[in-house]
C-alpha atoms as a PDB file:
ATOM      1  CA  MET A   1       2.134   9.494 -49.663  1.00  0.00           C
ATOM      2  CA  VAL A   2       4.758   8.774 -46.748  1.00  0.00           C
ATOM      3  CA  ALA A   3       6.809   6.017 -46.930  1.00  0.00           C
ATOM      4  CA  PRO A   4       6.807   3.758 -44.222  1.00  0.00           C
ATOM      5  CA  ALA A   5      10.342   4.386 -42.940  1.00  0.00           C
ATOM      6  CA  GLN A   6       9.700   7.840 -42.700  1.00  0.00           C
ATOM      7  CA  LYS A   7       6.075   6.861 -40.591  1.00  0.00           C
ATOM      8  CA  GLN A   8       8.074   4.746 -38.434  1.00  0.00           C
ATOM      9  CA  GLN A   9      10.503   7.343 -37.491  1.00  0.00           C
ATOM     10  CA  TYR A  10       7.712   9.959 -37.394  1.00  0.00           C
ATOM     11  CA  ASN A  11       6.053   7.972 -34.357  1.00  0.00           C
ATOM     12  CA  HIS A  12       9.691   7.028 -32.816  1.00  0.00           C
ATOM     13  CA  ASN A  13      10.146  10.565 -32.465  1.00  0.00           C
ATOM     14  CA  LYS A  14       6.516  11.125 -31.192  1.00  0.00           C
ATOM     15  CA  LEU A  15       7.132   8.487 -28.467  1.00  0.00           C
ATOM     16  CA  HIS A  16      10.178  10.014 -27.505  1.00  0.00           C
ATOM     17  CA  LYS A  17       9.137  13.460 -26.761  1.00  0.00           C
ATOM     18  CA  ARG A  18       5.801  11.947 -25.071  1.00  0.00           C
ATOM     19  CA  LEU A  19       8.251  10.094 -23.052  1.00  0.00           C
ATOM     20  CA  ARG A  20      10.290  13.486 -22.617  1.00  0.00           C
ATOM     21  CA  ARG A  21       7.894  15.232 -21.633  1.00  0.00           C
ATOM     22  CA  ASN A  22       6.367  12.418 -18.990  1.00  0.00           C
ATOM     23  CA  VAL A  23       9.693  12.788 -17.320  1.00  0.00           C
ATOM     24  CA  GLY A  24      10.426  16.194 -17.265  1.00  0.00           C
ATOM     25  CA  GLN A  25       7.017  16.509 -15.845  1.00  0.00           C
ATOM     26  CA  ALA A  26       7.894  14.152 -12.949  1.00  0.00           C
ATOM     27  CA  ILE A  27      11.120  15.775 -11.937  1.00  0.00           C
ATOM     28  CA  ALA A  28       9.248  18.888 -11.711  1.00  0.00           C
ATOM     29  CA  ASP A  29       6.584  17.704 -10.075  1.00  0.00           C
ATOM     30  CA  TYR A  30       8.861  16.298  -7.259  1.00  0.00           C
ATOM     31  CA  ASN A  31      11.607  18.629  -7.522  1.00  0.00           C
ATOM     32  CA  MET A  32      13.223  14.611  -8.337  1.00  0.00           C
ATOM     33  CA  ILE A  33      16.896  16.117  -9.972  1.00  0.00           C
ATOM     34  CA  GLU A  34      18.676  19.566  -8.323  1.00  0.00           C
ATOM     35  CA  GLN A  35      21.266  21.830  -9.723  1.00  0.00           C
ATOM     36  CA  GLY A  36      24.842  19.464  -9.115  1.00  0.00           C
ATOM     37  CA  ASP A  37      22.912  16.530  -8.057  1.00  0.00           C
ATOM     38  CA  ARG A  38      25.361  13.502  -8.850  1.00  0.00           C
ATOM     39  CA  VAL A  39      22.795  10.654  -9.746  1.00  0.00           C
ATOM     40  CA  MET A  40      23.271   7.055  -9.601  1.00  0.00           C
ATOM     41  CA  VAL A  41      21.233   5.520 -12.271  1.00  0.00           C
ATOM     42  CA  CYS A  42      20.322   2.030 -11.501  1.00  0.00           C
ATOM     43  CA  LEU A  43      20.508  -0.183 -14.624  1.00  0.00           C
ATOM     44  CA  SER A  44      19.099  -3.401 -14.359  1.00  0.00           C
ATOM     45  CA  GLY A  45      19.238  -4.536 -18.034  1.00  0.00           C
ATOM     46  CA  GLY A  46      15.715  -4.458 -18.628  1.00  0.00           C
ATOM     47  CA  ALA A  47      13.381  -2.012 -20.588  1.00  0.00           C
ATOM     48  CA  ASP A  48      12.588  -0.257 -18.012  1.00  0.00           C
ATOM     49  CA  SER A  49      15.878   1.161 -16.993  1.00  0.00           C
ATOM     50  CA  TYR A  50      17.696   1.270 -20.215  1.00  0.00           C
ATOM     51  CA  THR A  51      14.735   3.960 -20.841  1.00  0.00           C
ATOM     52  CA  MET A  52      14.970   5.909 -18.151  1.00  0.00           C
ATOM     53  CA  LEU A  53      19.371   5.855 -18.350  1.00  0.00           C
ATOM     54  CA  ASP A  54      18.304   6.997 -22.651  1.00  0.00           C
ATOM     55  CA  ILE A  55      15.526   9.685 -21.573  1.00  0.00           C
ATOM     56  CA  LEU A  56      17.727  11.325 -18.570  1.00  0.00           C
ATOM     57  CA  LEU A  57      20.834  11.308 -21.016  1.00  0.00           C
ATOM     58  CA  SER A  58      19.003  13.181 -23.671  1.00  0.00           C
ATOM     59  CA  MET A  59      17.528  15.716 -20.604  1.00  0.00           C
ATOM     60  CA  GLN A  60      20.445  16.112 -19.782  1.00  0.00           C
ATOM     61  CA  LYS A  61      21.890  17.997 -22.770  1.00  0.00           C
ATOM     62  CA  THR A  62      18.823  20.673 -22.054  1.00  0.00           C
ATOM     63  CA  ALA A  63      18.212  20.427 -18.550  1.00  0.00           C
ATOM     64  CA  PRO A  64      17.801  24.138 -16.551  1.00  0.00           C
ATOM     65  CA  VAL A  65      20.150  22.398 -13.826  1.00  0.00           C
ATOM     66  CA  ASP A  66      23.741  20.277 -14.315  1.00  0.00           C
ATOM     67  CA  PHE A  67      23.750  17.059 -13.115  1.00  0.00           C
ATOM     68  CA  ASP A  68      25.942  14.072 -13.799  1.00  0.00           C
ATOM     69  CA  LEU A  69      24.934  11.023 -14.260  1.00  0.00           C
ATOM     70  CA  VAL A  70      26.495   7.749 -13.606  1.00  0.00           C
ATOM     71  CA  ALA A  71      25.185   4.279 -13.882  1.00  0.00           C
ATOM     72  CA  VAL A  72      25.298   1.329 -11.874  1.00  0.00           C
ATOM     73  CA  ASN A  73      24.219  -2.416 -12.199  1.00  0.00           C
ATOM     74  CA  LEU A  74      24.417  -5.303  -9.763  1.00  0.00           C
ATOM     75  CA  ASP A  75      25.452  -8.626 -10.966  1.00  0.00           C
ATOM     76  CA  GLN A  76      24.125 -11.098  -8.303  1.00  0.00           C
ATOM     77  CA  LYS A  77      25.418 -13.111  -9.853  1.00  0.00           C
ATOM     78  CA  GLN A  78      22.600 -15.600 -11.426  1.00  0.00           C
ATOM     79  CA  PRO A  79      23.787 -18.703 -13.555  1.00  0.00           C
ATOM     80  CA  ASP A  80      23.898 -17.655 -16.863  1.00  0.00           C
ATOM     81  CA  PHE A  81      24.526 -14.020 -16.278  1.00  0.00           C
ATOM     82  CA  PRO A  82      25.900 -11.777 -19.749  1.00  0.00           C
ATOM     83  CA  GLU A  83      28.427 -10.579 -18.044  1.00  0.00           C
ATOM     84  CA  HIS A  84      29.575  -8.723 -21.165  1.00  0.00           C
ATOM     85  CA  VAL A  85      26.327  -7.145 -22.437  1.00  0.00           C
ATOM     86  CA  LEU A  86      26.111  -3.700 -20.101  1.00  0.00           C
ATOM     87  CA  PRO A  87      29.612  -2.827 -20.155  1.00  0.00           C
ATOM     88  CA  ALA A  88      29.700  -3.461 -23.685  1.00  0.00           C
ATOM     89  CA  TYR A  89      26.687  -1.186 -23.848  1.00  0.00           C
ATOM     90  CA  LEU A  90      27.716   1.448 -21.434  1.00  0.00           C
ATOM     91  CA  ASP A  91      31.378   1.715 -23.321  1.00  0.00           C
ATOM     92  CA  GLU A  92      29.837   2.665 -26.266  1.00  0.00           C
ATOM     93  CA  LEU A  93      27.413   5.219 -24.500  1.00  0.00           C
ATOM     94  CA  GLY A  94      30.504   6.794 -23.556  1.00  0.00           C
ATOM     95  CA  ILE A  95      29.181   7.249 -19.594  1.00  0.00           C
ATOM     96  CA  GLU A  96      30.822   6.613 -16.474  1.00  0.00           C
ATOM     97  CA  TYR A  97      29.458   3.400 -14.641  1.00  0.00           C
ATOM     98  CA  HIS A  98      30.510   0.970 -12.015  1.00  0.00           C
ATOM     99  CA  ILE A  99      29.466  -3.004 -11.957  1.00  0.00           C
ATOM    100  CA  LEU A 100      29.023  -4.509  -8.575  1.00  0.00           C
ATOM    101  CA  GLU A 101      29.527  -7.936  -7.674  1.00  0.00           C
ATOM    102  CA  GLU A 102      27.113  -9.704  -4.970  1.00  0.00           C
ATOM    103  CA  ASP A 103      25.911 -13.054  -5.025  1.00  0.00           C
ATOM    104  CA  THR A 104      22.373 -12.584  -3.689  1.00  0.00           C
ATOM    105  CA  TYR A 105      21.418 -15.395  -5.974  1.00  0.00           C
ATOM    106  CA  SER A 106      22.681 -17.803  -3.576  1.00  0.00           C
ATOM    107  CA  VAL A 107      21.422 -16.366  -0.477  1.00  0.00           C
ATOM    108  CA  VAL A 108      17.255 -16.218  -2.175  1.00  0.00           C
ATOM    109  CA  LYS A 109      17.968 -19.637  -3.723  1.00  0.00           C
ATOM    110  CA  ARG A 110      19.040 -21.152  -0.299  1.00  0.00           C
ATOM    111  CA  VAL A 111      16.502 -19.286   2.076  1.00  0.00           C
ATOM    112  CA  ILE A 112      13.218 -18.699   0.029  1.00  0.00           C
ATOM    113  CA  PRO A 113      11.789 -22.714  -0.669  1.00  0.00           C
ATOM    114  CA  GLU A 114      10.897 -23.622  -4.738  1.00  0.00           C
ATOM    115  CA  ASN A 115       7.401 -22.835  -4.337  1.00  0.00           C
ATOM    116  CA  LYS A 116       7.673 -19.649  -2.818  1.00  0.00           C
ATOM    117  CA  THR A 117       8.131 -16.394  -4.740  1.00  0.00           C
ATOM    118  CA  PHE A 118      11.825 -14.672  -4.468  1.00  0.00           C
ATOM    119  CA  CYS A 119      11.210 -10.901  -5.728  1.00  0.00           C
ATOM    120  CA  GLY A 120      10.781  -9.741  -1.661  1.00  0.00           C
ATOM    121  CA  LEU A 121      14.179 -11.189  -0.409  1.00  0.00           C
ATOM    122  CA  CYS A 122      15.632 -10.235  -3.817  1.00  0.00           C
ATOM    123  CA  SER A 123      14.609  -7.240  -4.083  1.00  0.00           C
ATOM    124  CA  ARG A 124      15.831  -6.502  -0.593  1.00  0.00           C
ATOM    125  CA  LEU A 125      19.510  -7.533  -0.506  1.00  0.00           C
ATOM    126  CA  ARG A 126      19.438  -6.081  -3.853  1.00  0.00           C
ATOM    127  CA  ARG A 127      18.519  -2.848  -2.381  1.00  0.00           C
ATOM    128  CA  GLY A 128      20.549  -2.761   0.738  1.00  0.00           C
ATOM    129  CA  VAL A 129      24.034  -3.136  -1.453  1.00  0.00           C
ATOM    130  CA  LEU A 130      22.758   0.097  -3.945  1.00  0.00           C
ATOM    131  CA  TYR A 131      22.009   1.479  -1.079  1.00  0.00           C
ATOM    132  CA  ARG A 132      25.535   0.942   0.751  1.00  0.00           C
ATOM    133  CA  PHE A 133      27.215   1.696  -2.439  1.00  0.00           C
ATOM    134  CA  ALA A 134      25.362   5.054  -3.002  1.00  0.00           C
ATOM    135  CA  LYS A 135      26.251   6.010   0.500  1.00  0.00           C
ATOM    136  CA  GLU A 136      29.953   5.282   0.219  1.00  0.00           C
ATOM    137  CA  GLN A 137      30.079   6.654  -3.249  1.00  0.00           C
ATOM    138  CA  GLY A 138      28.304  10.396  -2.234  1.00  0.00           C
ATOM    139  CA  PHE A 139      25.923  10.089  -4.720  1.00  0.00           C
ATOM    140  CA  THR A 140      23.065  12.328  -3.545  1.00  0.00           C
ATOM    141  CA  LYS A 141      20.097  11.120  -5.882  1.00  0.00           C
ATOM    142  CA  ILE A 142      18.966   7.067  -6.710  1.00  0.00           C
ATOM    143  CA  ALA A 143      17.056   6.624  -9.975  1.00  0.00           C
ATOM    144  CA  LEU A 144      14.754   3.621 -10.229  1.00  0.00           C
ATOM    145  CA  GLY A 145      13.504   2.479 -13.378  1.00  0.00           C
ATOM    146  CA  HIS A 146       9.514   2.057 -11.813  1.00  0.00           C
ATOM    147  CA  HIS A 147       6.987   3.115 -14.279  1.00  0.00           C
ATOM    148  CA  ARG A 148       2.801   3.784 -14.585  1.00  0.00           C
ATOM    149  CA  GLU A 149       1.928   0.558 -14.001  1.00  0.00           C
ATOM    150  CA  ASP A 150       4.458   0.055 -11.185  1.00  0.00           C
ATOM    151  CA  ILE A 151       2.901   2.299  -8.840  1.00  0.00           C
ATOM    152  CA  ILE A 152      -0.663   0.920  -9.550  1.00  0.00           C
ATOM    153  CA  GLU A 153       0.212  -2.465  -9.102  1.00  0.00           C
ATOM    154  CA  THR A 154       1.908  -1.409  -5.935  1.00  0.00           C
ATOM    155  CA  LEU A 155      -1.002   0.037  -4.517  1.00  0.00           C
ATOM    156  CA  PHE A 156      -3.333  -2.766  -5.050  1.00  0.00           C
ATOM    157  CA  LEU A 157      -0.505  -5.312  -3.873  1.00  0.00           C
ATOM    158  CA  ASN A 158      -0.739  -3.335  -0.658  1.00  0.00           C
ATOM    159  CA  MET A 159      -4.412  -3.037  -0.177  1.00  0.00           C
ATOM    160  CA  PHE A 160      -5.183  -6.872  -1.075  1.00  0.00           C
ATOM    161  CA  TYR A 161      -2.205  -8.106   0.610  1.00  0.00           C
ATOM    162  CA  GLY A 162      -1.295  -5.522   3.208  1.00  0.00           C
ATOM    163  CA  GLY A 163      -3.938  -3.982   4.341  1.00  0.00           C
ATOM    164  CA  LYS A 164      -2.365  -0.156   3.250  1.00  0.00           C
ATOM    165  CA  LEU A 165      -3.717   1.927   1.267  1.00  0.00           C
ATOM    166  CA  LYS A 166      -0.110   2.680   0.045  1.00  0.00           C
ATOM    167  CA  SER A 167       1.971   2.789  -3.357  1.00  0.00           C
ATOM    168  CA  MET A 168       5.711   3.632  -4.935  1.00  0.00           C
ATOM    169  CA  PRO A 169       6.466   6.997  -4.186  1.00  0.00           C
ATOM    170  CA  PRO A 170       8.029   9.127  -7.180  1.00  0.00           C
ATOM    171  CA  LYS A 171      10.431  10.621  -4.486  1.00  0.00           C
ATOM    172  CA  LEU A 172      11.348   9.201  -0.845  1.00  0.00           C
ATOM    173  CA  LYS A 173      14.141   9.258   1.719  1.00  0.00           C
ATOM    174  CA  SER A 174      15.225   5.638   2.795  1.00  0.00           C
ATOM    175  CA  ASP A 175      14.603   4.479   6.212  1.00  0.00           C
ATOM    176  CA  ASP A 176      17.778   5.768   7.609  1.00  0.00           C
ATOM    177  CA  GLY A 177      17.699   8.760   6.058  1.00  0.00           C
ATOM    178  CA  ALA A 178      20.655   8.666   4.299  1.00  0.00           C
ATOM    179  CA  ASN A 179      19.292   8.247   0.422  1.00  0.00           C
ATOM    180  CA  ILE A 180      16.799   9.803  -1.465  1.00  0.00           C
ATOM    181  CA  VAL A 181      15.452   7.406  -3.998  1.00  0.00           C
ATOM    182  CA  ILE A 182      13.064   9.004  -7.285  1.00  0.00           C
ATOM    183  CA  ARG A 183      11.784   7.359  -9.904  1.00  0.00           C
ATOM    184  CA  PRO A 184      12.045   9.385 -13.549  1.00  0.00           C
ATOM    185  CA  LEU A 185       9.160   7.105 -15.099  1.00  0.00           C
ATOM    186  CA  ALA A 186       6.677   7.470 -12.791  1.00  0.00           C
ATOM    187  CA  TYR A 187       4.120   9.058 -15.327  1.00  0.00           C
ATOM    188  CA  CYS A 188       5.590   6.905 -18.214  1.00  0.00           C
ATOM    189  CA  ALA A 189       3.101   4.135 -19.541  1.00  0.00           C
ATOM    190  CA  GLU A 190       4.405   0.543 -19.445  1.00  0.00           C
ATOM    191  CA  LYS A 191       3.402   0.241 -23.344  1.00  0.00           C
ATOM    192  CA  ASP A 192       5.392   3.079 -23.993  1.00  0.00           C
ATOM    193  CA  ILE A 193       8.111   1.900 -22.478  1.00  0.00           C
ATOM    194  CA  LYS A 194       8.557  -1.171 -23.915  1.00  0.00           C
ATOM    195  CA  ALA A 195       7.424   0.274 -27.458  1.00  0.00           C
ATOM    196  CA  TYR A 196      10.892   2.319 -27.148  1.00  0.00           C
ATOM    197  CA  SER A 197      12.735  -0.273 -25.699  1.00  0.00           C
ATOM    198  CA  GLU A 198      11.781  -1.882 -29.013  1.00  0.00           C
ATOM    199  CA  ALA A 199      12.796   0.487 -31.543  1.00  0.00           C
ATOM    200  CA  GLN A 200      15.555   1.602 -29.670  1.00  0.00           C
ATOM    201  CA  GLN A 201      17.216  -2.067 -29.748  1.00  0.00           C
ATOM    202  CA  PHE A 202      18.200  -2.369 -26.188  1.00  0.00           C
ATOM    203  CA  PRO A 203      20.158  -5.424 -25.449  1.00  0.00           C
ATOM    204  CA  ILE A 204      17.553  -6.537 -23.128  1.00  0.00           C
ATOM    205  CA  ILE A 205      19.035  -8.827 -20.305  1.00  0.00           C
ATOM    206  CA  PRO A 206      16.144 -11.457 -18.463  1.00  0.00           C
ATOM    207  CA  CYS A 207      16.020 -12.308 -14.890  1.00  0.00           C
ATOM    208  CA  ASN A 208      16.486 -16.106 -14.446  1.00  0.00           C
ATOM    209  CA  LEU A 209      16.125 -15.997 -10.964  1.00  0.00           C
ATOM    210  CA  CYS A 210      11.881 -15.091 -11.175  1.00  0.00           C
ATOM    211  CA  GLY A 211      10.973 -14.422 -14.220  1.00  0.00           C
ATOM    212  CA  SER A 212       9.753 -17.514 -14.896  1.00  0.00           C
ATOM    213  CA  GLN A 213       7.317 -18.215 -11.695  1.00  0.00           C
ATOM    214  CA  ASP A 214       3.435 -17.880 -12.277  1.00  0.00           C
ATOM    215  CA  ASN A 215       2.725 -17.531  -8.787  1.00  0.00           C
ATOM    216  CA  LEU A 216       3.677 -14.134  -8.142  1.00  0.00           C
ATOM    217  CA  GLN A 217       1.329 -12.052  -6.899  1.00  0.00           C
ATOM    218  CA  ARG A 218       2.014  -9.245  -8.563  1.00  0.00           C
ATOM    219  CA  GLN A 219       1.488 -10.879 -12.006  1.00  0.00           C
ATOM    220  CA  ALA A 220      -1.773 -11.813 -10.886  1.00  0.00           C
ATOM    221  CA  ILE A 221      -2.207  -7.643 -10.562  1.00  0.00           C
ATOM    222  CA  LYS A 222      -0.843  -6.745 -13.423  1.00  0.00           C
ATOM    223  CA  GLN A 223      -3.254  -9.168 -15.266  1.00  0.00           C
ATOM    224  CA  MET A 224      -6.244  -7.973 -13.780  1.00  0.00           C
ATOM    225  CA  LEU A 225      -5.102  -4.120 -14.873  1.00  0.00           C
ATOM    226  CA  SER A 226      -4.514  -5.284 -18.332  1.00  0.00           C
ATOM    227  CA  GLU A 227      -8.336  -6.886 -18.665  1.00  0.00           C
ATOM    228  CA  TRP A 228      -9.460  -3.792 -16.861  1.00  0.00           C
ATOM    229  CA  GLY A 229      -7.885  -1.827 -19.744  1.00  0.00           C
ATOM    230  CA  ARG A 230      -9.478  -3.843 -22.118  1.00  0.00           C
ATOM    231  CA  LYS A 231     -13.109  -3.345 -21.103  1.00  0.00           C
ATOM    232  CA  HIS A 232     -12.580  -0.106 -19.838  1.00  0.00           C
ATOM    233  CA  PRO A 233     -10.077   2.160 -21.893  1.00  0.00           C
ATOM    234  CA  GLY A 234      -8.688   5.045 -19.743  1.00  0.00           C
ATOM    235  CA  ARG A 235      -9.934   3.188 -16.291  1.00  0.00           C
ATOM    236  CA  VAL A 236      -5.688   3.038 -15.364  1.00  0.00           C
ATOM    237  CA  GLU A 237      -5.245   6.531 -16.076  1.00  0.00           C
ATOM    238  CA  THR A 238      -8.143   7.496 -13.624  1.00  0.00           C
ATOM    239  CA  ILE A 239      -6.665   5.380 -11.172  1.00  0.00           C
ATOM    240  CA  PHE A 240      -3.019   6.546 -11.190  1.00  0.00           C
ATOM    241  CA  SER A 241      -5.157  10.367 -11.378  1.00  0.00           C
ATOM    242  CA  SER A 242      -6.755   9.439  -7.872  1.00  0.00           C
ATOM    243  CA  LEU A 243      -3.488   8.836  -6.398  1.00  0.00           C
ATOM    244  CA  GLN A 244      -2.710  12.465  -7.162  1.00  0.00           C
ATOM    245  CA  THR A 245      -5.963  13.560  -5.743  1.00  0.00           C
ATOM    246  CA  ILE A 246      -6.519  12.098  -2.058  1.00  0.00           C
ATOM    247  CA  VAL A 247      -8.759  13.484   0.262  1.00  0.00           C
ATOM    248  CA  PRO A 248      -8.333  12.183   3.691  1.00  0.00           C
ATOM    249  CA  SER A 249     -11.696  13.498   4.991  1.00  0.00           C
ATOM    250  CA  HIS A 250     -13.112  10.637   2.962  1.00  0.00           C
ATOM    251  CA  LEU A 251     -11.513   7.782   4.270  1.00  0.00           C
ATOM    252  CA  LEU A 252     -11.050   6.269   7.536  1.00  0.00           C
ATOM    253  CA  ASP A 253      -7.772   6.930   9.204  1.00  0.00           C
ATOM    254  CA  THR A 254      -7.880   8.887  12.787  1.00  0.00           C
ATOM    255  CA  SER A 255      -3.722  10.057  11.656  1.00  0.00           C
ATOM    256  CA  ALA A 256      -4.361  11.465   8.582  1.00  0.00           C
ATOM    257  CA  TYR A 257      -7.528  13.755   9.324  1.00  0.00           C
ATOM    258  CA  ASP A 258      -8.570  14.307  12.624  1.00  0.00           C
ATOM    259  CA  PHE A 259     -12.482  12.958  13.048  1.00  0.00           C
ATOM    260  CA  LYS A 260     -13.009  13.267  17.009  1.00  0.00           C
ATOM    261  CA  HIS A 261     -12.119  17.441  17.421  1.00  0.00           C
ATOM    262  CA  PHE A 262     -14.624  19.005  14.684  1.00  0.00           C
ATOM    263  CA  SER A 263     -17.470  20.192  15.655  1.00  0.00           C
ATOM    264  CA  GLN A 264     -21.156  22.170  13.644  1.00  0.00           C
ATOM    265  CA  ASP A 265     -19.735  25.212  15.395  1.00  0.00           C
ATOM    266  CA  ASP A 266     -16.146  25.273  13.468  1.00  0.00           C
ATOM    267  CA  ALA A 267     -15.743  27.468  10.438  1.00  0.00           C
ATOM    268  CA  SER A 268     -14.414  24.551   8.544  1.00  0.00           C
ATOM    269  CA  THR A 269     -16.224  21.141   7.721  1.00  0.00           C
ATOM    270  CA  PRO A 270     -15.466  17.699   7.178  1.00  0.00           C
ATOM    271  CA  ASP A 271     -15.521  18.434   3.289  1.00  0.00           C
ATOM    272  CA  SER A 272     -12.706  20.888   3.559  1.00  0.00           C
ATOM    273  CA  ASP A 273      -9.088  19.127   4.873  1.00  0.00           C
ATOM    274  CA  ALA A 274      -8.343  22.192   7.286  1.00  0.00           C
ATOM    275  CA  TRP A 275      -8.192  19.941   9.744  1.00  0.00           C
ATOM    276  CA  LEU A 276      -5.916  17.508   8.914  1.00  0.00           C
ATOM    277  CA  LEU A 277      -2.971  16.460  11.160  1.00  0.00           C
ATOM    278  CA  GLY A 278       0.016  14.483  10.019  1.00  0.00           C
ATOM    279  CA  LYS A 279       1.400  11.716  12.078  1.00  0.00           C
ATOM    280  CA  GLN A 280       4.018  14.230  13.836  1.00  0.00           C
ATOM    281  CA  ASP A 281       1.861  16.521  14.238  1.00  0.00           C
ATOM    282  CA  GLN A 282      -0.628  14.545  16.678  1.00  0.00           C
ATOM    283  CA  GLN A 283       2.507  13.208  18.169  1.00  0.00           C
ATOM    284  CA  GLN A 284       3.926  16.845  19.621  1.00  0.00           C
END
């Protein structure tokens, strides 16, 4: 009979291997990390970013390319923020890190009314500080801890509230072209990350700015997906798979597919995507 402690360790090892496999697959599929990269790992103090750093440090030891990892946290001067937690944790790990200080909290509280959500402005301000620091320090990649469910939720947020078929890409270039953002946890399930974080006993720091707001649009989407997952097992996985299997000829975007210029005489048909034109091609 297997002892409870042995079974627990066995399950933890399986979880760690699954997360490593998913992160490794995402990195390979999107060429996220290359030889000589200096990766800025954005550490918020939440389960996602702790898990991302932990898995990347584990993979760094056996990766086929050499790359550096530097943890970066932005102290946004929220009340009662435990400033000692992250430095103590990172000192114990023995890795290079930077703690940035920028009072974005006061800006958000001053600009956003009490009955409105803070996340939009807060994330823009935070992103601006981190992007600027990455450029100044010469980082080649910025790693963010968004996972599979974050990507799916963003898809529905854009559909329901933005009128766009758009999500959160695993890799992107910033608008100014100065930074490349990667999301190594793109293939990782939120439940796996939570379980791993609890097993590792990461020193979680809750967000006191928006964590208590119950009117967040994202929270409504999260509840919808959670209910779907309970009633229809596998639906979340299928939705995520659909993001990797796009058929522009069966959507309605004329900038993504040339509906106007195919005919019966063409060798190809609308079912193939031979007429697919990117926006840049149309502009030339």
